[in-house]
Amino acid sequence: MVLQPCLRPLTLVLVVAALARLVFGARPLKPNRPRMPAPVCIGVMIVALAPFFGFLVAKVVSHAFQPRYVLFSAVGLLVLVSLAIRGALRRNAIWMALAVLILGGYASLHQFRELSSLPVGGDASTLADVSVFSTEPLLPIVPGTNDLLMRMEAHGPVSVRNRCMFPTDPSWIRVLHQNTNFLMTEALRRWTHLPISDLSSFLNAHRRFYVVSPTTTRSWLVQRLAEDHADIAIQGAYAGGLVYLVQVHH
């Protein structure tokens, strides 16, 4: 996750380093060159090995793989990769500038492609098409994630916000095997004006409703209701996710 976006530019830098060696040859190492202090070296290695510690935490403690567990590894990897490039190019200013140009240019191009793929108008445009909900205009709409809940409140059309509701339940922890999302939802009660209720109260009041779930994985609510043998049918797509029509049998 940390290195995969860097593989192509690092491969180009490796080619540049090979050309630099072929053109100029390898400079002999200075016998008294300054070395990284041992405590700093150990610190860098520990940070770079953060994914291994994150894996142990995920498997033994939280039972959930979270990017934040290993994010600091980028710091250690940056130091190690930078030292490797400097050593391969033997501190030649021209070749070092070319390496920096390759890395910076690729990062800029990657960022440009990410931003250019966003729809014109941002979330307001993405959330504007509500035709998938028109067949049942009175049913509540349940966002499948906390992120979608905040996006719909901030940028969704009024017709969607007026129907938007968000149920929560401790069974979220059992379904997802971690409590992060449940705690985030409890915290959202202080920030959102959209109704957040416990799942049992929501199901008692609404036997039919829509759920907008990410395309990559079904939301916890869809999984939870599937366990209770609710009728779940895909109706279409909204905001990049799948829309389910759910009917609960009491």
Protein backbone atom coordinates (compact mmCIF):
# COMPACT_ATOMS: atom_id res chain seq x y z
CA MET A 1 0.00 0.00 0.00
CA VAL A 2 2.88 2.37 0.76
CA LEU A 3 5.33 1.29 -1.95
CA GLN A 4 3.03 0.22 -4.79
CA PRO A 5 2.46 3.77 -6.19
CA CYS A 6 6.24 4.34 -6.07
CA LEU A 7 7.34 1.24 -8.00
CA ARG A 8 7.32 2.79 -11.47
CA PRO A 9 9.26 5.98 -10.65
CA LEU A 10 11.70 4.01 -8.48
CA THR A 11 12.26 1.65 -11.41
CA LEU A 12 13.05 4.66 -13.63
CA VAL A 13 15.45 5.97 -10.99
CA LEU A 14 17.13 2.55 -10.91
CA VAL A 15 17.63 2.79 -14.69
CA VAL A 16 19.08 6.29 -14.25
CA ALA A 17 21.45 5.01 -11.56
CA ALA A 18 22.57 2.18 -13.85
CA LEU A 19 23.25 4.65 -16.67
CA ALA A 20 25.17 6.92 -14.29
CA ARG A 21 27.38 3.98 -13.26
CA LEU A 22 27.97 3.01 -16.91
CA VAL A 23 28.89 6.58 -17.93
CA PHE A 24 30.94 7.69 -14.95
CA GLY A 25 31.81 4.41 -13.27
CA ALA A 26 31.57 3.76 -9.55
CA ARG A 27 33.34 6.23 -7.30
CA PRO A 28 35.41 4.65 -4.53
CA LEU A 29 33.90 5.04 -1.09
CA LYS A 30 35.67 7.41 1.24
CA PRO A 31 37.08 5.53 4.25
CA ASN A 32 36.17 8.29 6.72
CA ARG A 33 32.77 9.24 5.30
CA PRO A 34 30.18 10.19 7.94
CA ARG A 35 27.82 7.44 8.95
CA MET A 36 24.31 7.56 10.32
CA PRO A 37 24.44 7.42 14.13
CA ALA A 38 23.43 4.02 15.48
CA PRO A 39 20.36 5.27 17.44
CA VAL A 40 19.09 7.07 14.32
CA CYS A 41 19.68 3.97 12.19
CA ILE A 42 17.79 1.79 14.66
CA GLY A 43 14.94 4.30 14.81
CA VAL A 44 14.65 4.40 11.02
CA MET A 45 14.60 0.60 10.79
CA ILE A 46 11.95 0.29 13.50
CA VAL A 47 9.72 2.80 11.71
CA ALA A 48 10.27 1.07 8.35
CA LEU A 49 9.26 -2.25 9.93
CA ALA A 50 5.97 -0.78 11.19
CA PRO A 51 3.89 -3.01 8.83
CA PHE A 52 5.03 -6.10 10.74
CA PHE A 53 3.96 -4.59 14.07
CA GLY A 54 0.71 -3.40 12.47
CA PHE A 55 0.02 -6.92 11.23
CA LEU A 56 0.47 -8.34 14.74
CA VAL A 57 -1.86 -5.69 16.21
CA ALA A 58 -4.46 -6.39 13.54
CA LYS A 59 -4.35 -10.16 13.99
CA VAL A 60 -4.10 -10.33 17.78
CA VAL A 61 -5.72 -7.16 19.16
CA SER A 62 -8.10 -5.29 16.85
CA HIS A 63 -8.84 -7.99 14.24
CA ALA A 64 -9.01 -5.27 11.57
CA PHE A 65 -6.37 -4.12 9.08
CA GLN A 66 -6.23 -0.33 9.21
CA PRO A 67 -3.91 1.89 7.09
CA ARG A 68 -3.15 4.06 10.11
CA TYR A 69 -1.40 1.10 11.76
CA VAL A 70 1.42 1.24 9.21
CA LEU A 71 1.34 4.84 7.99
CA PHE A 72 4.53 5.79 9.85
CA SER A 73 6.46 3.19 7.88
CA ALA A 74 6.52 5.73 5.02
CA VAL A 75 8.89 7.88 7.11
CA GLY A 76 11.45 5.12 7.59
CA LEU A 77 11.11 3.92 3.99
CA LEU A 78 11.64 7.47 2.71
CA VAL A 79 14.94 7.72 4.59
CA LEU A 80 16.16 4.31 3.43
CA VAL A 81 15.16 4.81 -0.21
CA SER A 82 16.72 8.28 -0.25
CA LEU A 83 20.01 6.94 1.11
CA ALA A 84 19.95 4.14 -1.44
CA ILE A 85 19.44 6.60 -4.31
CA ARG A 86 22.18 8.90 -3.01
CA GLY A 87 24.56 5.97 -2.67
CA ALA A 88 23.73 4.62 -6.14
CA LEU A 89 24.26 8.01 -7.80
CA ARG A 90 27.30 8.81 -5.64
CA ARG A 91 26.01 12.32 -4.89
CA ASN A 92 26.44 13.51 -8.49
CA ALA A 93 24.41 16.73 -8.64
CA ILE A 94 23.17 16.30 -12.22
CA TRP A 95 22.03 12.71 -11.82
CA MET A 96 20.55 13.45 -8.40
CA ALA A 97 18.55 16.33 -9.93
CA LEU A 98 17.32 13.97 -12.66
CA ALA A 99 16.21 11.44 -10.03
CA VAL A 100 14.35 14.12 -8.08
CA LEU A 101 12.75 15.32 -11.34
CA ILE A 102 11.55 11.79 -12.10
CA LEU A 103 10.05 11.26 -8.65
CA GLY A 104 8.50 14.73 -8.42
CA GLY A 105 7.19 14.63 -11.98
CA TYR A 106 5.58 11.23 -11.50
CA ALA A 107 4.00 12.33 -8.20
CA SER A 108 2.60 15.45 -9.89
CA LEU A 109 1.26 13.43 -12.81
CA HIS A 110 -0.32 10.89 -10.47
CA GLN A 111 -1.99 13.65 -8.45
CA PHE A 112 -3.23 15.33 -11.63
CA ARG A 113 -4.79 12.08 -12.85
CA GLU A 114 -6.48 11.56 -9.47
CA LEU A 115 -7.95 15.07 -9.48
CA SER A 116 -8.95 15.04 -13.16
CA SER A 117 -10.96 11.84 -12.63
CA LEU A 118 -13.23 13.62 -10.14
CA PRO A 119 -16.58 14.69 -11.58
CA VAL A 120 -17.12 18.33 -12.43
CA GLY A 121 -18.96 19.90 -9.53
CA GLY A 122 -17.61 17.37 -7.00
CA ASP A 123 -20.01 15.61 -4.64
CA ALA A 124 -22.86 17.94 -5.54
CA SER A 125 -22.75 16.51 -9.07
CA THR A 126 -22.17 12.92 -7.92
CA LEU A 127 -25.13 12.98 -5.53
CA ALA A 128 -27.49 14.91 -7.82
CA ASP A 129 -29.03 11.98 -9.71
CA VAL A 130 -31.66 10.53 -7.34
CA SER A 131 -33.72 8.71 -9.97
CA VAL A 132 -32.91 5.34 -8.38
CA PHE A 133 -35.03 6.37 -5.36
CA SER A 134 -37.99 7.67 -7.40
CA THR A 135 -39.92 4.39 -7.47
CA GLU A 136 -40.43 4.58 -3.68
CA PRO A 137 -40.33 8.33 -2.94
CA LEU A 138 -41.39 8.01 0.71
CA LEU A 139 -38.96 5.34 1.92
CA PRO A 140 -35.99 6.29 4.13
CA ILE A 141 -32.50 6.24 2.63
CA VAL A 142 -29.75 4.73 4.79
CA PRO A 143 -26.10 5.54 3.88
CA GLY A 144 -23.97 2.44 4.22
CA THR A 145 -20.95 4.23 5.71
CA ASN A 146 -20.19 7.17 7.98
CA ASP A 147 -18.35 8.86 5.13
CA LEU A 148 -21.37 8.68 2.83
CA LEU A 149 -23.59 10.00 5.62
CA MET A 150 -21.46 13.14 5.94
CA ARG A 151 -21.23 13.57 2.16
CA MET A 152 -25.00 13.30 1.75
CA GLU A 153 -25.60 15.82 4.52
CA ALA A 154 -23.08 18.30 3.12
CA HIS A 155 -23.73 18.00 -0.63
CA GLY A 156 -26.81 15.85 -1.22
CA PRO A 157 -30.01 17.35 -2.65
CA VAL A 158 -32.74 18.33 -0.21
CA SER A 159 -34.97 15.47 -1.37
CA VAL A 160 -32.28 12.99 -0.25
CA ARG A 161 -31.34 14.73 3.00
CA ASN A 162 -34.97 14.81 4.11
CA ARG A 163 -35.17 11.02 3.72
CA CYS A 164 -31.70 10.20 5.06
CA MET A 165 -31.52 8.22 8.32
CA PHE A 166 -28.69 6.29 9.95
CA PRO A 167 -29.24 3.33 12.31
CA THR A 168 -26.48 2.07 14.59
CA ASP A 169 -26.13 -0.99 16.75
CA PRO A 170 -23.43 -2.82 18.78
CA SER A 171 -23.86 -5.77 16.39
CA TRP A 172 -21.78 -3.64 14.03
CA ILE A 173 -18.77 -4.85 16.03
CA ARG A 174 -19.77 -8.48 15.59
CA VAL A 175 -20.25 -8.11 11.83
CA LEU A 176 -17.08 -6.11 11.12
CA HIS A 177 -14.97 -7.64 13.94
CA GLN A 178 -13.87 -4.16 15.13
CA ASN A 179 -15.49 -1.26 16.94
CA THR A 180 -14.04 1.73 15.04
CA ASN A 181 -17.09 2.41 12.89
CA PHE A 182 -19.51 2.00 15.80
CA LEU A 183 -17.58 4.49 17.93
CA MET A 184 -17.35 6.93 15.02
CA THR A 185 -21.11 6.80 14.58
CA GLU A 186 -21.67 7.50 18.25
CA ALA A 187 -19.38 10.52 17.94
CA LEU A 188 -21.26 11.72 14.84
CA ARG A 189 -24.35 12.34 16.96
CA ARG A 190 -22.63 15.53 18.15
CA TRP A 191 -21.95 16.79 14.64
CA THR A 192 -24.71 15.77 12.28
CA HIS A 193 -28.25 17.09 12.05
CA LEU A 194 -29.44 13.92 10.33
CA PRO A 195 -31.30 11.43 12.54
CA ILE A 196 -29.18 8.64 14.05
CA SER A 197 -31.15 6.01 15.96
CA ASP A 198 -30.57 2.54 17.35
CA LEU A 199 -31.26 -0.26 14.91
CA SER A 200 -34.19 -1.85 16.77
CA SER A 201 -36.10 1.44 16.94
CA PHE A 202 -35.40 2.09 13.28
CA LEU A 203 -36.61 -1.36 12.20
CA ASN A 204 -39.75 -1.04 14.32
CA ALA A 205 -40.62 2.20 12.56
CA HIS A 206 -39.51 1.27 9.03
CA ARG A 207 -39.98 -2.16 7.51
CA ARG A 208 -38.96 -1.04 3.99
CA PHE A 209 -36.08 1.28 3.17
CA TYR A 210 -33.14 1.87 0.85
CA VAL A 211 -29.50 1.19 1.76
CA VAL A 212 -26.64 2.70 -0.23
CA SER A 213 -23.65 0.36 0.11
CA PRO A 214 -20.08 0.59 -1.25
CA THR A 215 -19.46 -1.51 -4.35
CA THR A 216 -16.32 -3.13 -2.92
CA THR A 217 -17.94 -4.61 0.21
CA ARG A 218 -21.50 -4.76 1.45
CA SER A 219 -22.26 -2.43 4.34
CA TRP A 220 -22.55 -3.86 7.84
CA LEU A 221 -26.32 -3.21 7.80
CA VAL A 222 -26.88 -5.25 4.62
CA GLN A 223 -24.83 -8.10 6.09
CA ARG A 224 -26.69 -7.85 9.38
CA LEU A 225 -30.12 -7.89 7.71
CA ALA A 226 -29.09 -10.76 5.43
CA GLU A 227 -28.44 -12.81 8.57
CA ASP A 228 -32.03 -12.03 9.65
CA HIS A 229 -33.34 -13.25 6.26
CA ALA A 230 -34.67 -9.87 5.17
CA ASP A 231 -35.64 -9.41 1.52
CA ILE A 232 -32.79 -7.52 -0.15
CA ALA A 233 -32.81 -6.55 -3.83
CA ILE A 234 -30.42 -4.38 -5.83
CA GLN A 235 -32.18 -1.40 -7.38
CA GLY A 236 -29.31 0.42 -9.09
CA ALA A 237 -26.41 2.70 -8.24
CA TYR A 238 -25.99 6.00 -6.39
CA ALA A 239 -22.86 8.02 -5.53
CA GLY A 240 -20.64 5.19 -6.74
CA GLY A 241 -22.36 2.59 -4.53
CA LEU A 242 -25.07 -0.01 -4.92
CA VAL A 243 -28.62 0.76 -3.82
CA TYR A 244 -30.50 -2.04 -2.04
CA LEU A 245 -34.22 -2.12 -1.35
CA VAL A 246 -34.68 -3.87 1.98
CA GLN A 247 -37.87 -5.34 3.42
CA VAL A 248 -37.70 -6.63 6.99
CA HIS A 249 -40.00 -9.35 8.32
CA HIS A 250 -40.87 -9.00 12.02
